[in-house]
């Protein structure tokens, strides 16, 4: 039995909502921010959840160790972005 899921092409959404303001979203530090899917090499494939707090904690740890991720190094180089932000 094939599953069918309703979908809307991204191009249609971009066209339909062009110029619209993003909605206000309330979030908490421990709310889920990402899902990373594993290949299931040790069993069944599964998703690992990361919270906003966990992601920021990892970024700050990399910065304190002197190893910012590549995308952040590039942003610092090209835009002069400071991480962590001053005043934090």
C-alpha atoms as a PDB file:
ATOM      1  CA  UNK A   1       0.000   0.000   0.000  1.00  0.00           C
ATOM      2  CA  UNK A   2       1.509   3.332  -1.041  1.00  0.00           C
ATOM      3  CA  UNK A   3       1.151   6.293   1.293  1.00  0.00           C
ATOM      4  CA  UNK A   4       0.116   9.573  -0.203  1.00  0.00           C
ATOM      5  CA  UNK A   5       0.751  12.805   1.650  1.00  0.00           C
ATOM      6  CA  UNK A   6      -0.677  16.132   0.548  1.00  0.00           C
ATOM      7  CA  UNK A   7       2.038  18.633  -0.327  1.00  0.00           C
ATOM      8  CA  UNK A   8       2.494  22.073  -1.821  1.00  0.00           C
ATOM      9  CA  UNK A   9       5.498  22.880  -4.022  1.00  0.00           C
ATOM     10  CA  UNK A  10       7.895  25.360  -2.405  1.00  0.00           C
ATOM     11  CA  UNK A  11       7.689  27.666  -5.438  1.00  0.00           C
ATOM     12  CA  UNK A  12       3.920  27.966  -4.888  1.00  0.00           C
ATOM     13  CA  UNK A  13       4.381  28.840  -1.228  1.00  0.00           C
ATOM     14  CA  UNK A  14       7.035  31.437  -2.033  1.00  0.00           C
ATOM     15  CA  UNK A  15       4.748  33.010  -4.605  1.00  0.00           C
ATOM     16  CA  UNK A  16       1.654  32.955  -2.399  1.00  0.00           C
ATOM     17  CA  UNK A  17       3.348  34.421   0.677  1.00  0.00           C
ATOM     18  CA  UNK A  18       5.832  36.821  -0.965  1.00  0.00           C
ATOM     19  CA  UNK A  19       6.124  39.981   1.111  1.00  0.00           C
ATOM     20  CA  UNK A  20       4.211  38.561   4.092  1.00  0.00           C
ATOM     21  CA  UNK A  21       5.596  39.079   7.585  1.00  0.00           C
ATOM     22  CA  UNK A  22       6.768  36.013   9.462  1.00  0.00           C
ATOM     23  CA  UNK A  23       4.406  35.017  12.290  1.00  0.00           C
ATOM     24  CA  UNK A  24       5.357  35.528  15.918  1.00  0.00           C
ATOM     25  CA  UNK A  25       6.431  32.200  17.388  1.00  0.00           C
ATOM     26  CA  UNK A  26       6.802  31.542  21.088  1.00  0.00           C
ATOM     27  CA  UNK A  27       9.589  29.096  21.892  1.00  0.00           C
ATOM     28  CA  UNK A  28      11.379  27.919  24.972  1.00  0.00           C
ATOM     29  CA  UNK A  29      15.069  26.971  25.317  1.00  0.00           C
ATOM     30  CA  UNK A  30      14.245  23.277  25.654  1.00  0.00           C
ATOM     31  CA  UNK A  31      11.863  23.126  22.673  1.00  0.00           C
ATOM     32  CA  UNK A  32      13.040  20.891  19.835  1.00  0.00           C
ATOM     33  CA  UNK A  33      14.949  22.742  17.108  1.00  0.00           C
ATOM     34  CA  UNK A  34      16.272  19.976  14.826  1.00  0.00           C
ATOM     35  CA  UNK A  35      15.835  16.309  14.028  1.00  0.00           C
ATOM     36  CA  UNK A  36      18.894  14.408  12.779  1.00  0.00           C
ATOM     37  CA  UNK A  37      18.078  11.016  11.313  1.00  0.00           C
ATOM     38  CA  UNK A  38      20.440   8.109  11.824  1.00  0.00           C
ATOM     39  CA  UNK A  39      21.067   5.461   9.209  1.00  0.00           C
ATOM     40  CA  UNK A  40      19.994   2.689  11.514  1.00  0.00           C
ATOM     41  CA  UNK A  41      23.349   0.873  11.434  1.00  0.00           C
ATOM     42  CA  UNK A  42      22.751  -0.451  14.970  1.00  0.00           C
ATOM     43  CA  UNK A  43      19.088  -1.249  14.481  1.00  0.00           C
ATOM     44  CA  UNK A  44      16.130   0.659  13.124  1.00  0.00           C
ATOM     45  CA  UNK A  45      16.641   4.161  11.734  1.00  0.00           C
ATOM     46  CA  UNK A  46      15.626   6.835  14.210  1.00  0.00           C
ATOM     47  CA  UNK A  47      15.649  10.574  14.729  1.00  0.00           C
ATOM     48  CA  UNK A  48      17.765  12.335  17.361  1.00  0.00           C
ATOM     49  CA  UNK A  49      16.264  15.584  18.650  1.00  0.00           C
ATOM     50  CA  UNK A  50      18.266  18.676  19.601  1.00  0.00           C
ATOM     51  CA  UNK A  51      16.900  21.593  21.598  1.00  0.00           C
ATOM     52  CA  UNK A  52      17.637  25.273  21.040  1.00  0.00           C
ATOM     53  CA  UNK A  53      19.595  25.205  24.313  1.00  0.00           C
ATOM     54  CA  UNK A  54      21.641  22.211  23.158  1.00  0.00           C
ATOM     55  CA  UNK A  55      22.541  23.798  19.832  1.00  0.00           C
ATOM     56  CA  UNK A  56      23.636  27.062  21.451  1.00  0.00           C
ATOM     57  CA  UNK A  57      25.579  25.125  24.065  1.00  0.00           C
ATOM     58  CA  UNK A  58      27.499  23.301  21.323  1.00  0.00           C
ATOM     59  CA  UNK A  59      28.220  26.543  19.449  1.00  0.00           C
ATOM     60  CA  UNK A  60      29.501  28.257  22.593  1.00  0.00           C
ATOM     61  CA  UNK A  61      31.634  25.209  23.446  1.00  0.00           C
ATOM     62  CA  UNK A  62      33.226  25.223  19.988  1.00  0.00           C
ATOM     63  CA  UNK A  63      33.959  28.930  20.334  1.00  0.00           C
ATOM     64  CA  UNK A  64      35.521  28.484  23.779  1.00  0.00           C
ATOM     65  CA  UNK A  65      37.696  25.681  22.404  1.00  0.00           C
ATOM     66  CA  UNK A  66      38.751  27.971  19.577  1.00  0.00           C
ATOM     67  CA  UNK A  67      37.096  25.823  16.915  1.00  0.00           C
ATOM     68  CA  UNK A  68      34.066  27.597  15.484  1.00  0.00           C
ATOM     69  CA  UNK A  69      32.223  25.713  12.751  1.00  0.00           C
ATOM     70  CA  UNK A  70      33.190  26.496   9.151  1.00  0.00           C
ATOM     71  CA  UNK A  71      30.004  28.481   8.402  1.00  0.00           C
ATOM     72  CA  UNK A  72      30.638  30.705  11.418  1.00  0.00           C
ATOM     73  CA  UNK A  73      34.291  31.287  10.498  1.00  0.00           C
ATOM     74  CA  UNK A  74      33.146  32.340   7.026  1.00  0.00           C
ATOM     75  CA  UNK A  75      30.533  34.708   8.461  1.00  0.00           C
ATOM     76  CA  UNK A  76      33.132  36.262  10.761  1.00  0.00           C
ATOM     77  CA  UNK A  77      35.558  36.671   7.877  1.00  0.00           C
ATOM     78  CA  UNK A  78      33.129  38.157   5.352  1.00  0.00           C
ATOM     79  CA  UNK A  79      30.752  40.133   7.570  1.00  0.00           C
ATOM     80  CA  UNK A  80      32.744  40.868  10.694  1.00  0.00           C
ATOM     81  CA  UNK A  81      30.161  39.043  12.794  1.00  0.00           C
ATOM     82  CA  UNK A  82      31.183  38.586  16.404  1.00  0.00           C
ATOM     83  CA  UNK A  83      30.298  35.351  18.198  1.00  0.00           C
ATOM     84  CA  UNK A  84      29.386  35.176  20.944  1.00  0.00           C
ATOM     85  CA  UNK A  85      27.591  38.510  20.587  1.00  0.00           C
ATOM     86  CA  UNK A  86      28.993  41.329  22.681  1.00  0.00           C
ATOM     87  CA  UNK A  87      27.070  41.915  25.879  1.00  0.00           C
ATOM     88  CA  UNK A  88      26.135  38.277  26.431  1.00  0.00           C
END
